[in-house]
N, C-alpha and C. Protein backbone atom coordinates (compact mmCIF):
# COMPACT_ATOMS: atom_id res chain seq x y z
N MET A 1 0.85 -1.16 0.00
CA MET A 1 0.00 0.00 0.00
C MET A 1 0.90 1.24 0.00
N ARG A 2 0.48 2.28 -0.67
CA ARG A 2 1.28 3.51 -0.75
C ARG A 2 1.19 4.28 0.57
N ILE A 3 2.25 5.00 0.89
CA ILE A 3 2.35 5.75 2.13
C ILE A 3 1.21 6.76 2.26
N GLU A 4 0.92 7.47 1.20
CA GLU A 4 -0.13 8.49 1.28
C GLU A 4 -1.50 7.88 1.58
N VAL A 5 -1.75 6.68 1.08
CA VAL A 5 -3.01 5.98 1.35
C VAL A 5 -3.04 5.52 2.81
N LEU A 6 -1.93 4.94 3.28
CA LEU A 6 -1.85 4.51 4.68
C LEU A 6 -2.07 5.68 5.62
N ALA A 7 -1.41 6.80 5.36
CA ALA A 7 -1.52 7.97 6.22
C ALA A 7 -2.97 8.42 6.32
N GLU A 8 -3.64 8.47 5.20
CA GLU A 8 -5.03 8.90 5.19
C GLU A 8 -5.91 7.94 5.99
N LYS A 9 -5.68 6.65 5.81
CA LYS A 9 -6.52 5.66 6.48
C LYS A 9 -6.32 5.60 7.99
N ILE A 10 -5.12 5.93 8.46
CA ILE A 10 -4.89 5.87 9.91
C ILE A 10 -5.04 7.23 10.57
N GLY A 11 -5.31 8.26 9.80
CA GLY A 11 -5.51 9.59 10.37
C GLY A 11 -4.22 10.34 10.65
N ALA A 12 -3.15 9.97 9.96
CA ALA A 12 -1.86 10.64 10.15
C ALA A 12 -1.69 11.74 9.10
N LYS A 13 -0.83 12.68 9.41
CA LYS A 13 -0.56 13.79 8.49
C LYS A 13 0.86 13.64 7.95
N ILE A 14 1.00 13.70 6.63
CA ILE A 14 2.34 13.67 6.03
C ILE A 14 2.89 15.09 6.07
N ILE A 15 4.04 15.24 6.71
CA ILE A 15 4.65 16.54 6.92
C ILE A 15 5.39 17.03 5.67
N ASN A 16 5.99 16.13 4.94
CA ASN A 16 6.76 16.48 3.73
C ASN A 16 6.26 15.65 2.55
N PRO A 17 5.11 16.00 1.99
CA PRO A 17 4.45 15.15 0.99
C PRO A 17 5.27 14.86 -0.27
N ALA A 18 6.18 15.70 -0.62
CA ALA A 18 6.95 15.47 -1.85
C ALA A 18 7.99 14.37 -1.67
N ALA A 19 8.30 14.03 -0.44
CA ALA A 19 9.37 13.06 -0.17
C ALA A 19 8.87 11.63 -0.13
N GLY A 20 8.66 11.05 -1.27
CA GLY A 20 8.38 9.62 -1.35
C GLY A 20 7.03 9.15 -0.85
N ALA A 21 6.04 10.03 -0.77
CA ALA A 21 4.74 9.63 -0.24
C ALA A 21 4.03 8.61 -1.12
N SER A 22 4.47 8.47 -2.35
CA SER A 22 3.81 7.50 -3.24
C SER A 22 4.53 6.15 -3.25
N ARG A 23 5.60 6.03 -2.46
CA ARG A 23 6.32 4.75 -2.40
C ARG A 23 5.49 3.69 -1.69
N PRO A 24 5.66 2.44 -2.08
CA PRO A 24 4.89 1.37 -1.44
C PRO A 24 5.49 0.94 -0.10
N VAL A 25 4.62 0.47 0.77
CA VAL A 25 5.02 -0.10 2.06
C VAL A 25 4.53 -1.53 2.09
N GLU A 26 5.44 -2.44 2.43
CA GLU A 26 5.09 -3.86 2.52
C GLU A 26 5.19 -4.38 3.94
N ARG A 27 5.92 -3.65 4.79
CA ARG A 27 6.12 -4.08 6.18
C ARG A 27 6.03 -2.87 7.08
N VAL A 28 5.77 -3.13 8.35
CA VAL A 28 5.76 -2.08 9.37
C VAL A 28 6.64 -2.55 10.52
N TYR A 29 7.50 -1.67 10.98
CA TYR A 29 8.30 -1.93 12.17
C TYR A 29 7.94 -0.85 13.19
N ALA A 30 7.55 -1.24 14.37
CA ALA A 30 7.24 -0.29 15.43
C ALA A 30 8.19 -0.51 16.59
N GLY A 31 8.90 0.53 16.97
CA GLY A 31 9.82 0.42 18.09
C GLY A 31 10.72 1.63 18.17
N ASP A 32 11.52 1.66 19.25
CA ASP A 32 12.37 2.81 19.51
C ASP A 32 13.85 2.46 19.63
N ARG A 33 14.20 1.21 19.45
CA ARG A 33 15.62 0.83 19.56
C ARG A 33 16.26 0.80 18.18
N MET A 34 17.29 1.59 18.02
CA MET A 34 17.98 1.68 16.73
C MET A 34 18.56 0.33 16.31
N SER A 35 19.07 -0.44 17.25
CA SER A 35 19.67 -1.72 16.88
C SER A 35 18.61 -2.67 16.30
N ASP A 36 17.42 -2.66 16.87
CA ASP A 36 16.34 -3.49 16.33
C ASP A 36 15.90 -2.98 14.97
N LEU A 37 15.83 -1.70 14.82
CA LEU A 37 15.46 -1.10 13.54
C LEU A 37 16.44 -1.53 12.44
N LEU A 38 17.70 -1.50 12.74
CA LEU A 38 18.71 -1.91 11.76
C LEU A 38 18.53 -3.37 11.34
N ASN A 39 18.09 -4.22 12.26
CA ASN A 39 17.88 -5.63 11.95
C ASN A 39 16.57 -5.91 11.24
N GLN A 40 15.55 -5.09 11.46
CA GLN A 40 14.22 -5.39 10.98
C GLN A 40 13.78 -4.64 9.74
N ALA A 41 14.33 -3.48 9.50
CA ALA A 41 13.83 -2.61 8.43
C ALA A 41 14.44 -2.94 7.07
N SER A 42 13.68 -2.60 6.03
CA SER A 42 14.14 -2.76 4.66
C SER A 42 13.62 -1.57 3.85
N ALA A 43 13.88 -1.58 2.56
CA ALA A 43 13.49 -0.47 1.69
C ALA A 43 11.98 -0.37 1.48
N SER A 44 11.22 -1.27 2.05
CA SER A 44 9.76 -1.20 1.93
C SER A 44 9.08 -1.19 3.30
N THR A 45 9.82 -0.74 4.33
CA THR A 45 9.33 -0.76 5.70
C THR A 45 8.93 0.63 6.17
N LEU A 46 7.74 0.74 6.73
CA LEU A 46 7.30 1.95 7.42
C LEU A 46 7.73 1.79 8.87
N VAL A 47 8.46 2.76 9.40
CA VAL A 47 8.89 2.73 10.79
C VAL A 47 7.96 3.61 11.61
N VAL A 48 7.41 3.03 12.66
CA VAL A 48 6.54 3.75 13.60
C VAL A 48 7.32 3.88 14.90
N THR A 49 7.50 5.12 15.37
CA THR A 49 8.39 5.33 16.51
C THR A 49 8.05 6.58 17.30
N ASN A 50 8.57 6.63 18.51
CA ASN A 50 8.52 7.83 19.35
C ASN A 50 9.74 8.71 19.12
N LEU A 51 10.76 8.16 18.49
CA LEU A 51 12.02 8.88 18.30
C LEU A 51 11.86 9.96 17.23
N ALA A 52 12.23 11.16 17.57
CA ALA A 52 12.19 12.26 16.60
C ALA A 52 13.57 12.91 16.57
N THR A 53 14.56 12.10 16.22
CA THR A 53 15.94 12.57 16.25
C THR A 53 16.57 12.52 14.87
N SER A 54 17.64 13.27 14.72
CA SER A 54 18.35 13.28 13.44
C SER A 54 19.01 11.93 13.17
N GLN A 55 19.34 11.17 14.21
CA GLN A 55 19.93 9.85 14.01
C GLN A 55 18.95 8.92 13.30
N LEU A 56 17.67 9.08 13.58
CA LEU A 56 16.66 8.26 12.92
C LEU A 56 16.65 8.51 11.41
N ILE A 57 16.78 9.75 11.01
CA ILE A 57 16.81 10.08 9.59
C ILE A 57 18.08 9.53 8.94
N ARG A 58 19.18 9.53 9.66
CA ARG A 58 20.42 8.96 9.11
C ARG A 58 20.24 7.46 8.84
N VAL A 59 19.60 6.76 9.78
CA VAL A 59 19.33 5.34 9.59
C VAL A 59 18.35 5.14 8.44
N ALA A 60 17.33 5.96 8.39
CA ALA A 60 16.33 5.87 7.32
C ALA A 60 16.98 6.06 5.95
N SER A 61 17.86 7.01 5.87
CA SER A 61 18.57 7.26 4.60
C SER A 61 19.48 6.09 4.24
N LEU A 62 20.19 5.60 5.22
CA LEU A 62 21.10 4.47 5.01
C LEU A 62 20.35 3.24 4.51
N MET A 63 19.16 3.00 5.05
CA MET A 63 18.38 1.81 4.72
C MET A 63 17.36 2.07 3.62
N ASP A 64 17.32 3.30 3.10
CA ASP A 64 16.39 3.70 2.05
C ASP A 64 14.94 3.45 2.45
N LEU A 65 14.61 3.78 3.70
CA LEU A 65 13.25 3.60 4.19
C LEU A 65 12.31 4.57 3.48
N PRO A 66 11.12 4.11 3.12
CA PRO A 66 10.18 5.00 2.44
C PRO A 66 9.55 6.02 3.37
N ALA A 67 9.34 5.66 4.65
CA ALA A 67 8.63 6.58 5.54
C ALA A 67 8.86 6.27 7.01
N ILE A 68 8.68 7.32 7.80
CA ILE A 68 8.70 7.22 9.26
C ILE A 68 7.41 7.84 9.76
N CYS A 69 6.78 7.17 10.72
CA CYS A 69 5.57 7.69 11.34
C CYS A 69 5.87 7.98 12.81
N LEU A 70 5.83 9.24 13.18
CA LEU A 70 5.99 9.62 14.58
C LEU A 70 4.62 9.55 15.25
N VAL A 71 4.58 9.13 16.49
CA VAL A 71 3.31 8.95 17.19
C VAL A 71 3.10 10.03 18.25
N ASN A 72 1.92 10.03 18.85
CA ASN A 72 1.56 10.95 19.92
C ASN A 72 1.50 12.41 19.47
N GLY A 73 1.28 12.63 18.18
CA GLY A 73 1.17 13.99 17.69
C GLY A 73 2.43 14.82 17.80
N VAL A 74 3.58 14.16 17.90
CA VAL A 74 4.86 14.86 18.04
C VAL A 74 5.06 15.78 16.84
N ILE A 75 5.40 17.02 17.09
CA ILE A 75 5.69 17.95 16.01
C ILE A 75 7.20 17.95 15.82
N PRO A 76 7.66 17.45 14.67
CA PRO A 76 9.11 17.35 14.46
C PRO A 76 9.74 18.72 14.25
N GLU A 77 10.98 18.82 14.69
CA GLU A 77 11.76 20.05 14.49
C GLU A 77 11.95 20.29 12.99
N PRO A 78 12.04 21.56 12.58
CA PRO A 78 12.25 21.86 11.16
C PRO A 78 13.49 21.18 10.57
N ALA A 79 14.54 21.04 11.36
CA ALA A 79 15.75 20.37 10.87
C ALA A 79 15.49 18.91 10.56
N LEU A 80 14.65 18.26 11.35
CA LEU A 80 14.29 16.86 11.11
C LEU A 80 13.47 16.73 9.83
N VAL A 81 12.54 17.64 9.63
CA VAL A 81 11.72 17.63 8.41
C VAL A 81 12.61 17.85 7.19
N ALA A 82 13.53 18.79 7.29
CA ALA A 82 14.44 19.08 6.17
C ALA A 82 15.32 17.88 5.86
N ALA A 83 15.84 17.23 6.89
CA ALA A 83 16.69 16.05 6.68
C ALA A 83 15.91 14.91 6.04
N ALA A 84 14.67 14.71 6.50
CA ALA A 84 13.83 13.67 5.92
C ALA A 84 13.54 13.96 4.45
N SER A 85 13.23 15.20 4.15
CA SER A 85 12.94 15.59 2.76
C SER A 85 14.17 15.39 1.89
N GLU A 86 15.31 15.77 2.41
CA GLU A 86 16.56 15.64 1.65
C GLU A 86 16.89 14.18 1.36
N SER A 87 16.57 13.30 2.30
CA SER A 87 16.88 11.88 2.12
C SER A 87 15.79 11.14 1.33
N GLY A 88 14.66 11.83 1.05
CA GLY A 88 13.58 11.19 0.31
C GLY A 88 12.70 10.31 1.17
N THR A 89 12.75 10.52 2.48
CA THR A 89 11.94 9.75 3.42
C THR A 89 10.72 10.55 3.81
N ALA A 90 9.55 10.00 3.56
CA ALA A 90 8.32 10.69 3.97
C ALA A 90 8.23 10.65 5.49
N LEU A 91 7.79 11.75 6.05
CA LEU A 91 7.67 11.87 7.50
C LEU A 91 6.21 12.16 7.81
N MET A 92 5.59 11.27 8.57
CA MET A 92 4.19 11.50 8.94
C MET A 92 4.04 11.48 10.45
N VAL A 93 2.97 12.12 10.91
CA VAL A 93 2.70 12.20 12.34
C VAL A 93 1.30 11.67 12.60
N SER A 94 1.22 10.70 13.49
CA SER A 94 -0.05 10.16 13.93
C SER A 94 -0.45 10.86 15.23
N PRO A 95 -1.70 11.25 15.33
CA PRO A 95 -2.15 11.88 16.58
C PRO A 95 -2.33 10.87 17.72
N PHE A 96 -2.21 9.60 17.40
CA PHE A 96 -2.47 8.54 18.37
C PHE A 96 -1.17 7.99 18.97
N ASP A 97 -1.31 7.25 20.07
CA ASP A 97 -0.13 6.63 20.68
C ASP A 97 0.31 5.43 19.83
N MET A 98 1.39 4.80 20.24
CA MET A 98 1.97 3.69 19.49
C MET A 98 0.96 2.55 19.31
N PHE A 99 0.27 2.18 20.38
CA PHE A 99 -0.67 1.08 20.34
C PHE A 99 -1.79 1.34 19.34
N GLU A 100 -2.42 2.50 19.44
CA GLU A 100 -3.54 2.85 18.55
C GLU A 100 -3.07 2.96 17.10
N THR A 101 -1.92 3.57 16.89
CA THR A 101 -1.39 3.72 15.53
C THR A 101 -1.14 2.35 14.91
N CYS A 102 -0.52 1.46 15.66
CA CYS A 102 -0.24 0.12 15.14
C CYS A 102 -1.52 -0.66 14.89
N GLY A 103 -2.51 -0.49 15.76
CA GLY A 103 -3.80 -1.14 15.55
C GLY A 103 -4.46 -0.67 14.27
N ARG A 104 -4.39 0.61 14.02
CA ARG A 104 -4.97 1.16 12.79
C ARG A 104 -4.21 0.65 11.56
N LEU A 105 -2.90 0.57 11.65
CA LEU A 105 -2.12 0.03 10.53
C LEU A 105 -2.47 -1.44 10.29
N TYR A 106 -2.62 -2.19 11.36
CA TYR A 106 -2.99 -3.60 11.23
C TYR A 106 -4.33 -3.74 10.51
N GLU A 107 -5.30 -2.93 10.88
CA GLU A 107 -6.60 -2.97 10.23
C GLU A 107 -6.49 -2.66 8.73
N CYS A 108 -5.65 -1.70 8.38
CA CYS A 108 -5.44 -1.36 6.97
C CYS A 108 -4.89 -2.55 6.20
N VAL A 109 -3.90 -3.19 6.77
CA VAL A 109 -3.26 -4.33 6.11
C VAL A 109 -4.22 -5.50 6.03
N ARG A 110 -4.94 -5.75 7.11
CA ARG A 110 -5.89 -6.87 7.15
C ARG A 110 -7.01 -6.66 6.12
N ASN A 111 -7.50 -5.46 5.99
CA ASN A 111 -8.57 -5.17 5.04
C ASN A 111 -8.09 -5.14 3.61
N GLU A 112 -6.79 -4.99 3.43
CA GLU A 112 -6.21 -4.95 2.08
C GLU A 112 -6.16 -6.35 1.47
N ARG A 113 -6.09 -7.37 2.31
CA ARG A 113 -5.96 -8.75 1.82
C ARG A 113 -7.25 -9.29 1.31
């Protein structure tokens, strides 16, 4: 499913729409540990996290991640948005907590099958 479609269905807002929002997502990884992210993510993985740091964008760029979804309505710093845009990683913000966001993503995937 495309990032822009997922964002709409879960009620998230894409902060930098020009940055890869039409790329497909085949997997979702939810978590806050960089070491786990490095082991689990691929070029078709949407990362759902509480982390809103520049290190996350560096990992996203390194792994060619299509998108990152920040939870709890976190408003990312302008530098983070700029870095995500520069790396071609779509950055979206869910107004919901991690549990609710993941539940909504699960429903999207389940209904897609």
